[in-house]
Amino acid sequence: MKLIVHAVGRMKSGPEKELGDRYYERFARSGPAVGLEFGGITEIPEGRGQTVDERQREEGHKLLAHARQPGGLAGGQAGAALLLLDERGKSFSSEELARRIGAKRDNGRKALVVAIGGPDGHSEALRNEAELIVSFGALTWPHQLVRVMLGEQLYRIATILAGHPYHRS
């Protein structure tokens, strides 16, 4: 299953980018052994609307347009699932998130798009399209740290699915 990260906003050079890149590279190397292929990170600029709803709608349309077009986020695959990172989502243990992603892979999903929203979060319409909405907790995190934390969790998920001792239960 191809796993693609979609992010609103750009990751600027610096220590956060370097750390995030390190985890995404680890995931790219370890994922194929457990049937997870890293499809990269797609970045879009923040919406330009004047209201929160306008910005969320614009960002959501861009995500869905990229995900549904041939060669887009999900490679044009109809079997793509959408996972949103959202503070209003459900908090999972790393083991439970690994189990859920592994189940999508095992059930024949071709791709999983993991979306990080902009400062205004995701629209309700996009939330309704998602198969899974995940929270990294009730705290608000800077975009750069969310990108790093996601990279680490993807690497951790691959090691959990592989039975590797990186994750200690």
N, C-alpha and C. Protein backbone atom coordinates (compact mmCIF):
# COMPACT_ATOMS: atom_id res chain seq x y z
N MET A 1 0.86 -1.16 0.00
CA MET A 1 0.00 0.00 0.00
C MET A 1 0.90 1.23 0.00
N LYS A 2 0.59 2.12 -0.91
CA LYS A 2 1.36 3.37 -0.98
C LYS A 2 0.83 4.34 0.06
N LEU A 3 1.73 4.96 0.80
CA LEU A 3 1.35 5.93 1.82
C LEU A 3 1.89 7.29 1.42
N ILE A 4 0.98 8.26 1.28
CA ILE A 4 1.33 9.60 0.83
C ILE A 4 0.96 10.59 1.93
N VAL A 5 1.84 11.53 2.20
CA VAL A 5 1.56 12.59 3.17
C VAL A 5 1.19 13.84 2.38
N HIS A 6 0.07 14.45 2.73
CA HIS A 6 -0.39 15.69 2.11
C HIS A 6 -0.38 16.75 3.20
N ALA A 7 0.33 17.85 2.99
CA ALA A 7 0.45 18.87 4.02
C ALA A 7 0.10 20.24 3.47
N VAL A 8 -0.69 20.98 4.25
CA VAL A 8 -0.95 22.38 3.94
C VAL A 8 0.19 23.17 4.58
N GLY A 9 0.91 23.92 3.77
CA GLY A 9 2.05 24.69 4.27
C GLY A 9 3.37 24.04 3.89
N ARG A 10 4.40 24.80 3.97
CA ARG A 10 5.73 24.34 3.58
C ARG A 10 6.60 24.13 4.80
N MET A 11 7.47 23.15 4.71
CA MET A 11 8.44 22.87 5.76
C MET A 11 9.72 23.59 5.36
N LYS A 12 10.10 24.56 6.16
CA LYS A 12 11.31 25.34 5.85
C LYS A 12 12.55 24.61 6.33
N SER A 13 13.67 24.94 5.75
CA SER A 13 14.95 24.34 6.16
C SER A 13 15.20 24.62 7.63
N GLY A 14 15.83 23.68 8.27
CA GLY A 14 16.15 23.83 9.68
C GLY A 14 16.17 22.48 10.37
N PRO A 15 16.39 22.50 11.67
CA PRO A 15 16.52 21.24 12.40
C PRO A 15 15.26 20.38 12.38
N GLU A 16 14.07 21.00 12.34
CA GLU A 16 12.84 20.22 12.29
C GLU A 16 12.75 19.47 10.97
N LYS A 17 13.09 20.12 9.88
CA LYS A 17 13.05 19.47 8.56
C LYS A 17 14.06 18.33 8.52
N GLU A 18 15.25 18.56 9.04
CA GLU A 18 16.27 17.51 9.05
C GLU A 18 15.81 16.30 9.85
N LEU A 19 15.22 16.52 11.02
CA LEU A 19 14.74 15.42 11.84
C LEU A 19 13.58 14.70 11.15
N GLY A 20 12.64 15.46 10.61
CA GLY A 20 11.53 14.85 9.88
C GLY A 20 12.02 14.02 8.72
N ASP A 21 12.95 14.57 7.93
CA ASP A 21 13.50 13.83 6.78
C ASP A 21 14.14 12.53 7.22
N ARG A 22 14.80 12.56 8.36
CA ARG A 22 15.45 11.34 8.88
C ARG A 22 14.40 10.24 9.12
N TYR A 23 13.28 10.60 9.77
CA TYR A 23 12.25 9.60 10.03
C TYR A 23 11.54 9.14 8.76
N TYR A 24 11.27 10.06 7.84
CA TYR A 24 10.63 9.66 6.58
C TYR A 24 11.56 8.75 5.78
N GLU A 25 12.87 9.00 5.82
CA GLU A 25 13.82 8.11 5.14
C GLU A 25 13.83 6.74 5.79
N ARG A 26 13.79 6.70 7.11
CA ARG A 26 13.72 5.41 7.82
C ARG A 26 12.47 4.65 7.41
N PHE A 27 11.35 5.37 7.36
CA PHE A 27 10.09 4.73 6.95
C PHE A 27 10.20 4.22 5.51
N ALA A 28 10.76 5.02 4.62
CA ALA A 28 10.90 4.62 3.21
C ALA A 28 11.74 3.36 3.08
N ARG A 29 12.74 3.20 3.94
CA ARG A 29 13.59 2.00 3.89
C ARG A 29 12.93 0.79 4.54
N SER A 30 12.20 0.99 5.64
CA SER A 30 11.65 -0.15 6.38
C SER A 30 10.23 -0.53 5.94
N GLY A 31 9.49 0.39 5.36
CA GLY A 31 8.10 0.14 4.99
C GLY A 31 7.88 -0.98 3.97
N PRO A 32 8.68 -1.04 2.89
CA PRO A 32 8.43 -2.07 1.88
C PRO A 32 8.43 -3.50 2.42
N ALA A 33 9.21 -3.77 3.45
CA ALA A 33 9.25 -5.13 4.03
C ALA A 33 7.91 -5.54 4.62
N VAL A 34 7.08 -4.55 4.98
CA VAL A 34 5.77 -4.85 5.56
C VAL A 34 4.64 -4.38 4.63
N GLY A 35 4.95 -4.14 3.37
CA GLY A 35 3.93 -3.79 2.39
C GLY A 35 3.49 -2.34 2.41
N LEU A 36 4.34 -1.44 2.94
CA LEU A 36 4.03 -0.02 2.97
C LEU A 36 5.09 0.73 2.17
N GLU A 37 4.67 1.36 1.10
CA GLU A 37 5.59 2.12 0.24
C GLU A 37 5.38 3.61 0.49
N PHE A 38 6.45 4.33 0.75
CA PHE A 38 6.35 5.76 0.99
C PHE A 38 6.23 6.47 -0.35
N GLY A 39 5.12 7.17 -0.55
CA GLY A 39 4.87 7.88 -1.80
C GLY A 39 5.27 9.35 -1.74
N GLY A 40 5.90 9.77 -0.65
CA GLY A 40 6.40 11.14 -0.55
C GLY A 40 5.43 12.08 0.12
N ILE A 41 5.84 13.34 0.14
CA ILE A 41 5.08 14.41 0.78
C ILE A 41 4.70 15.42 -0.29
N THR A 42 3.42 15.76 -0.34
CA THR A 42 2.93 16.80 -1.23
C THR A 42 2.54 17.98 -0.37
N GLU A 43 3.04 19.15 -0.73
CA GLU A 43 2.73 20.37 0.01
C GLU A 43 1.90 21.30 -0.86
N ILE A 44 0.91 21.93 -0.25
CA ILE A 44 0.14 22.97 -0.94
C ILE A 44 0.17 24.22 -0.07
N PRO A 45 0.04 25.39 -0.66
CA PRO A 45 0.01 26.62 0.15
C PRO A 45 -1.30 26.72 0.92
N GLU A 46 -1.26 27.49 1.99
CA GLU A 46 -2.47 27.75 2.76
C GLU A 46 -3.50 28.42 1.87
N GLY A 47 -4.79 28.17 2.18
CA GLY A 47 -5.87 28.80 1.44
C GLY A 47 -5.81 30.31 1.56
N ARG A 48 -6.37 30.99 0.58
CA ARG A 48 -6.34 32.45 0.56
C ARG A 48 -7.69 33.08 0.90
N GLY A 49 -8.67 32.27 1.22
CA GLY A 49 -10.00 32.80 1.53
C GLY A 49 -9.97 33.78 2.70
N GLN A 50 -11.00 34.59 2.79
CA GLN A 50 -11.05 35.60 3.85
C GLN A 50 -11.59 35.04 5.16
N THR A 51 -12.34 33.94 5.09
CA THR A 51 -12.89 33.34 6.30
C THR A 51 -12.30 31.96 6.52
N VAL A 52 -12.45 31.45 7.72
CA VAL A 52 -11.97 30.10 8.04
C VAL A 52 -12.63 29.09 7.11
N ASP A 53 -13.94 29.19 6.93
CA ASP A 53 -14.65 28.23 6.07
C ASP A 53 -14.12 28.27 4.63
N GLU A 54 -13.86 29.45 4.11
CA GLU A 54 -13.35 29.57 2.75
C GLU A 54 -11.97 28.93 2.63
N ARG A 55 -11.11 29.18 3.62
CA ARG A 55 -9.76 28.60 3.58
C ARG A 55 -9.82 27.09 3.70
N GLN A 56 -10.62 26.57 4.62
CA GLN A 56 -10.75 25.13 4.79
C GLN A 56 -11.30 24.48 3.52
N ARG A 57 -12.31 25.09 2.93
CA ARG A 57 -12.92 24.54 1.72
C ARG A 57 -11.90 24.50 0.58
N GLU A 58 -11.15 25.60 0.39
CA GLU A 58 -10.13 25.65 -0.67
C GLU A 58 -9.07 24.57 -0.46
N GLU A 59 -8.57 24.44 0.76
CA GLU A 59 -7.54 23.44 1.06
C GLU A 59 -8.08 22.02 0.86
N GLY A 60 -9.32 21.79 1.28
CA GLY A 60 -9.94 20.46 1.11
C GLY A 60 -10.14 20.12 -0.36
N HIS A 61 -10.57 21.10 -1.15
CA HIS A 61 -10.75 20.87 -2.59
C HIS A 61 -9.42 20.51 -3.25
N LYS A 62 -8.36 21.21 -2.86
CA LYS A 62 -7.04 20.91 -3.43
C LYS A 62 -6.61 19.49 -3.08
N LEU A 63 -6.82 19.09 -1.83
CA LEU A 63 -6.46 17.73 -1.42
C LEU A 63 -7.24 16.71 -2.24
N LEU A 64 -8.54 16.86 -2.32
CA LEU A 64 -9.36 15.89 -3.04
C LEU A 64 -9.06 15.90 -4.54
N ALA A 65 -8.79 17.08 -5.10
CA ALA A 65 -8.46 17.16 -6.53
C ALA A 65 -7.16 16.41 -6.81
N HIS A 66 -6.15 16.60 -5.95
CA HIS A 66 -4.89 15.88 -6.14
C HIS A 66 -5.07 14.38 -5.94
N ALA A 67 -5.85 14.01 -4.95
CA ALA A 67 -6.02 12.60 -4.62
C ALA A 67 -6.78 11.84 -5.70
N ARG A 68 -7.66 12.51 -6.42
CA ARG A 68 -8.53 11.82 -7.37
C ARG A 68 -8.04 11.86 -8.81
N GLN A 69 -7.06 12.71 -9.11
CA GLN A 69 -6.61 12.80 -10.50
C GLN A 69 -5.59 11.69 -10.80
N PRO A 70 -5.52 11.24 -12.06
CA PRO A 70 -4.50 10.24 -12.42
C PRO A 70 -3.12 10.78 -12.09
N GLY A 71 -2.33 9.99 -11.41
CA GLY A 71 -0.99 10.40 -11.03
C GLY A 71 -0.98 11.33 -9.83
N GLY A 72 -2.14 11.56 -9.21
CA GLY A 72 -2.23 12.45 -8.06
C GLY A 72 -1.70 11.80 -6.80
N LEU A 73 -2.13 12.31 -5.67
CA LEU A 73 -1.62 11.83 -4.38
C LEU A 73 -1.69 10.32 -4.26
N ALA A 74 -2.80 9.77 -4.69
CA ALA A 74 -2.98 8.33 -4.56
C ALA A 74 -2.67 7.60 -5.86
N GLY A 75 -1.97 8.27 -6.76
CA GLY A 75 -1.62 7.64 -8.02
C GLY A 75 -2.85 7.34 -8.88
N GLY A 76 -3.95 8.07 -8.62
CA GLY A 76 -5.16 7.84 -9.39
C GLY A 76 -5.87 6.56 -8.99
N GLN A 77 -5.49 5.96 -7.90
CA GLN A 77 -6.05 4.69 -7.49
C GLN A 77 -7.38 4.90 -6.77
N ALA A 78 -8.40 4.18 -7.22
CA ALA A 78 -9.71 4.32 -6.59
C ALA A 78 -9.72 3.75 -5.18
N GLY A 79 -8.75 2.92 -4.87
CA GLY A 79 -8.74 2.28 -3.56
C GLY A 79 -8.06 3.09 -2.47
N ALA A 80 -7.87 4.38 -2.67
CA ALA A 80 -7.17 5.19 -1.68
C ALA A 80 -8.07 5.51 -0.50
N ALA A 81 -7.50 5.43 0.69
CA ALA A 81 -8.19 5.81 1.92
C ALA A 81 -7.62 7.15 2.37
N LEU A 82 -8.43 7.91 3.11
CA LEU A 82 -8.01 9.22 3.61
C LEU A 82 -7.97 9.18 5.13
N LEU A 83 -6.81 9.53 5.69
CA LEU A 83 -6.62 9.66 7.13
C LEU A 83 -6.27 11.11 7.40
N LEU A 84 -7.06 11.76 8.26
CA LEU A 84 -6.80 13.15 8.61
C LEU A 84 -6.14 13.22 9.98
N LEU A 85 -5.17 14.10 10.11
CA LEU A 85 -4.65 14.45 11.43
C LEU A 85 -5.43 15.68 11.86
N ASP A 86 -6.09 15.58 13.01
CA ASP A 86 -6.99 16.64 13.45
C ASP A 86 -7.09 16.58 14.97
N GLU A 87 -7.01 17.72 15.63
CA GLU A 87 -7.06 17.74 17.09
C GLU A 87 -8.39 17.21 17.64
N ARG A 88 -9.43 17.19 16.78
CA ARG A 88 -10.72 16.66 17.22
C ARG A 88 -10.87 15.17 16.93
N GLY A 89 -9.79 14.56 16.41
CA GLY A 89 -9.84 13.14 16.09
C GLY A 89 -9.66 12.28 17.32
N LYS A 90 -9.52 11.00 17.08
CA LYS A 90 -9.36 10.02 18.15
C LYS A 90 -7.87 9.77 18.40
N SER A 91 -7.51 9.70 19.66
CA SER A 91 -6.13 9.37 20.01
C SER A 91 -5.99 7.85 20.07
N PHE A 92 -4.99 7.35 19.40
CA PHE A 92 -4.72 5.91 19.37
C PHE A 92 -3.35 5.65 19.96
N SER A 93 -3.15 4.45 20.47
CA SER A 93 -1.80 4.02 20.80
C SER A 93 -1.09 3.74 19.48
N SER A 94 0.22 3.70 19.51
CA SER A 94 0.97 3.38 18.29
C SER A 94 0.61 1.98 17.79
N GLU A 95 0.42 1.04 18.71
CA GLU A 95 0.06 -0.33 18.32
C GLU A 95 -1.29 -0.36 17.62
N GLU A 96 -2.27 0.39 18.15
CA GLU A 96 -3.60 0.41 17.54
C GLU A 96 -3.57 1.08 16.17
N LEU A 97 -2.84 2.16 16.03
CA LEU A 97 -2.75 2.81 14.73
C LEU A 97 -2.05 1.88 13.73
N ALA A 98 -1.01 1.19 14.16
CA ALA A 98 -0.34 0.23 13.29
C ALA A 98 -1.31 -0.88 12.86
N ARG A 99 -2.12 -1.36 13.79
CA ARG A 99 -3.09 -2.41 13.48
C ARG A 99 -4.10 -1.91 12.44
N ARG A 100 -4.58 -0.69 12.61
CA ARG A 100 -5.58 -0.15 11.68
C ARG A 100 -5.00 0.08 10.28
N ILE A 101 -3.79 0.59 10.22
CA ILE A 101 -3.15 0.79 8.91
C ILE A 101 -2.83 -0.56 8.28
N GLY A 102 -2.34 -1.50 9.09
CA GLY A 102 -2.08 -2.85 8.58
C GLY A 102 -3.35 -3.51 8.05
N ALA A 103 -4.48 -3.28 8.70
CA ALA A 103 -5.75 -3.85 8.24
C ALA A 103 -6.16 -3.26 6.90
N LYS A 104 -5.95 -1.96 6.70
CA LYS A 104 -6.26 -1.34 5.41
C LYS A 104 -5.39 -1.97 4.31
N ARG A 105 -4.13 -2.14 4.61
CA ARG A 105 -3.21 -2.79 3.67
C ARG A 105 -3.68 -4.22 3.37
N ASP A 106 -4.02 -4.95 4.41
CA ASP A 106 -4.42 -6.35 4.24
C ASP A 106 -5.75 -6.51 3.53
N ASN A 107 -6.60 -5.48 3.61
CA ASN A 107 -7.89 -5.53 2.94
C ASN A 107 -7.82 -5.02 1.50
N GLY A 108 -6.61 -4.82 1.00
CA GLY A 108 -6.42 -4.50 -0.41
C GLY A 108 -6.44 -3.03 -0.77
N ARG A 109 -6.35 -2.16 0.21
CA ARG A 109 -6.29 -0.74 -0.12
C ARG A 109 -4.99 -0.49 -0.88
N LYS A 110 -5.09 0.28 -1.94
CA LYS A 110 -3.91 0.56 -2.77
C LYS A 110 -3.09 1.72 -2.23
N ALA A 111 -3.76 2.65 -1.55
CA ALA A 111 -3.06 3.84 -1.07
C ALA A 111 -3.76 4.39 0.16
N LEU A 112 -2.97 5.09 0.96
CA LEU A 112 -3.47 5.80 2.13
C LEU A 112 -2.88 7.21 2.06
N VAL A 113 -3.76 8.21 2.05
CA VAL A 113 -3.33 9.60 2.07
C VAL A 113 -3.51 10.11 3.49
N VAL A 114 -2.42 10.57 4.10
CA VAL A 114 -2.45 11.14 5.45
C VAL A 114 -2.35 12.65 5.28
N ALA A 115 -3.38 13.37 5.74
CA ALA A 115 -3.45 14.82 5.49
C ALA A 115 -3.25 15.61 6.77
N ILE A 116 -2.32 16.57 6.69
CA ILE A 116 -2.07 17.53 7.76
C ILE A 116 -2.68 18.84 7.30
N GLY A 117 -3.62 19.37 8.05
CA GLY A 117 -4.30 20.60 7.67
C GLY A 117 -3.47 21.83 7.95
N GLY A 118 -4.02 22.95 7.54
CA GLY A 118 -3.39 24.24 7.80
C GLY A 118 -3.74 24.75 9.19
N PRO A 119 -3.45 26.00 9.46
CA PRO A 119 -3.73 26.58 10.78
C PRO A 119 -5.20 26.52 11.19
N ASP A 120 -6.11 26.47 10.20
CA ASP A 120 -7.54 26.42 10.50
C ASP A 120 -8.08 25.00 10.59
N GLY A 121 -7.24 24.00 10.36
CA GLY A 121 -7.69 22.62 10.42
C GLY A 121 -8.41 22.20 9.14
N HIS A 122 -9.17 21.12 9.25
CA HIS A 122 -9.88 20.55 8.10
C HIS A 122 -11.35 20.94 8.13
N SER A 123 -11.94 21.07 6.96
CA SER A 123 -13.37 21.38 6.87
C SER A 123 -14.19 20.17 7.30
N GLU A 124 -15.43 20.44 7.66
CA GLU A 124 -16.34 19.35 8.04
C GLU A 124 -16.57 18.42 6.86
N ALA A 125 -16.66 18.98 5.65
CA ALA A 125 -16.86 18.16 4.46
C ALA A 125 -15.70 17.18 4.27
N LEU A 126 -14.47 17.64 4.48
CA LEU A 126 -13.31 16.76 4.34
C LEU A 126 -13.31 15.73 5.46
N ARG A 127 -13.67 16.15 6.65
CA ARG A 127 -13.76 15.21 7.78
C ARG A 127 -14.75 14.09 7.46
N ASN A 128 -15.83 14.42 6.76
CA ASN A 128 -16.82 13.41 6.39
C ASN A 128 -16.29 12.44 5.33
N GLU A 129 -15.31 12.87 4.55
CA GLU A 129 -14.70 12.01 3.52
C GLU A 129 -13.68 11.04 4.11
N ALA A 130 -13.16 11.36 5.28
CA ALA A 130 -12.07 10.58 5.87
C ALA A 130 -12.55 9.25 6.44
N GLU A 131 -11.72 8.24 6.29
CA GLU A 131 -12.00 6.94 6.90
C GLU A 131 -11.51 6.89 8.33
N LEU A 132 -10.53 7.72 8.64
CA LEU A 132 -9.96 7.73 9.99
C LEU A 132 -9.49 9.15 10.29
N ILE A 133 -9.83 9.63 11.49
CA ILE A 133 -9.40 10.95 11.94
C ILE A 133 -8.62 10.74 13.23
N VAL A 134 -7.35 11.10 13.18
CA VAL A 134 -6.42 10.81 14.27
C VAL A 134 -5.94 12.10 14.91
N SER A 135 -5.84 12.07 16.23
CA SER A 135 -5.32 13.21 16.98
C SER A 135 -4.01 12.82 17.64
N PHE A 136 -3.06 13.74 17.66
CA PHE A 136 -1.83 13.54 18.42
C PHE A 136 -1.99 14.12 19.82
N GLY A 137 -3.23 14.21 20.27
CA GLY A 137 -3.52 14.70 21.60
C GLY A 137 -4.27 16.01 21.56
N ALA A 138 -4.74 16.44 22.73
CA ALA A 138 -5.56 17.64 22.82
C ALA A 138 -4.74 18.93 22.70
N LEU A 139 -3.44 18.83 22.84
CA LEU A 139 -2.59 20.01 22.72
C LEU A 139 -2.52 20.48 21.27
N THR A 140 -2.25 21.74 21.07
CA THR A 140 -2.03 22.28 19.73
C THR A 140 -0.53 22.20 19.44
N TRP A 141 -0.18 21.64 18.28
CA TRP A 141 1.22 21.45 17.91
C TRP A 141 1.57 22.31 16.72
N PRO A 142 2.78 22.86 16.68
CA PRO A 142 3.23 23.58 15.48
C PRO A 142 3.31 22.63 14.28
N HIS A 143 3.01 23.16 13.11
CA HIS A 143 3.00 22.37 11.88
C HIS A 143 4.30 21.57 11.71
N GLN A 144 5.44 22.23 11.96
CA GLN A 144 6.73 21.56 11.76
C GLN A 144 6.87 20.34 12.68
N LEU A 145 6.41 20.47 13.91
CA LEU A 145 6.52 19.34 14.84
C LEU A 145 5.55 18.22 14.48
N VAL A 146 4.38 18.56 13.98
CA VAL A 146 3.44 17.52 13.54
C VAL A 146 4.06 16.71 12.41
N ARG A 147 4.73 17.40 11.49
CA ARG A 147 5.39 16.68 10.39
C ARG A 147 6.44 15.72 10.91
N VAL A 148 7.22 16.16 11.90
CA VAL A 148 8.25 15.30 12.50
C VAL A 148 7.59 14.14 13.23
N MET A 149 6.57 14.43 14.04
CA MET A 149 5.90 13.38 14.81
C MET A 149 5.24 12.36 13.89
N LEU A 150 4.66 12.80 12.78
CA LEU A 150 4.06 11.87 11.83
C LEU A 150 5.13 10.97 11.23
N GLY A 151 6.26 11.55 10.82
CA GLY A 151 7.34 10.73 10.27
C GLY A 151 7.81 9.67 11.24
N GLU A 152 7.96 10.06 12.50
CA GLU A 152 8.39 9.09 13.52
C GLU A 152 7.33 8.01 13.70
N GLN A 153 6.06 8.38 13.73
CA GLN A 153 5.00 7.38 13.92
C GLN A 153 4.91 6.43 12.73
N LEU A 154 5.11 6.93 11.52
CA LEU A 154 5.10 6.04 10.35
C LEU A 154 6.24 5.03 10.44
N TYR A 155 7.41 5.51 10.83
CA TYR A 155 8.54 4.59 11.02
C TYR A 155 8.21 3.59 12.13
N ARG A 156 7.65 4.08 13.22
CA ARG A 156 7.28 3.20 14.34
C ARG A 156 6.25 2.15 13.89
N ILE A 157 5.27 2.57 13.10
CA ILE A 157 4.25 1.65 12.61
C ILE A 157 4.89 0.54 11.78
N ALA A 158 5.83 0.90 10.91
CA ALA A 158 6.51 -0.12 10.10
C ALA A 158 7.27 -1.09 10.99
N THR A 159 7.91 -0.59 12.05
CA THR A 159 8.66 -1.50 12.93
C THR A 159 7.72 -2.37 13.75
N ILE A 160 6.58 -1.83 14.16
CA ILE A 160 5.60 -2.64 14.89
C ILE A 160 5.08 -3.76 14.00
N LEU A 161 4.72 -3.43 12.77
CA LEU A 161 4.21 -4.45 11.84
C LEU A 161 5.26 -5.50 11.51
N ALA A 162 6.54 -5.09 11.57
CA ALA A 162 7.64 -6.03 11.29
C ALA A 162 8.06 -6.83 12.52
N GLY A 163 7.55 -6.46 13.69
CA GLY A 163 7.96 -7.14 14.90
C GLY A 163 9.35 -6.72 15.36
N HIS A 164 9.80 -5.57 14.91
CA HIS A 164 11.12 -5.05 15.26
C HIS A 164 11.08 -4.47 16.67
N PRO A 165 12.17 -4.56 17.43
CA PRO A 165 12.15 -4.09 18.83
C PRO A 165 12.23 -2.57 19.02
N TYR A 166 12.21 -1.77 17.95
CA TYR A 166 12.25 -0.31 18.12
C TYR A 166 11.15 0.14 19.07
N HIS A 167 9.94 -0.39 18.86
CA HIS A 167 8.82 -0.03 19.74
C HIS A 167 8.77 -1.02 20.90
N ARG A 168 8.72 -0.49 22.09
CA ARG A 168 8.64 -1.35 23.28
C ARG A 168 7.28 -1.21 23.90
N SER A 169 6.56 -2.29 23.99
CA SER A 169 5.21 -2.27 24.57
C SER A 169 5.25 -2.27 26.07
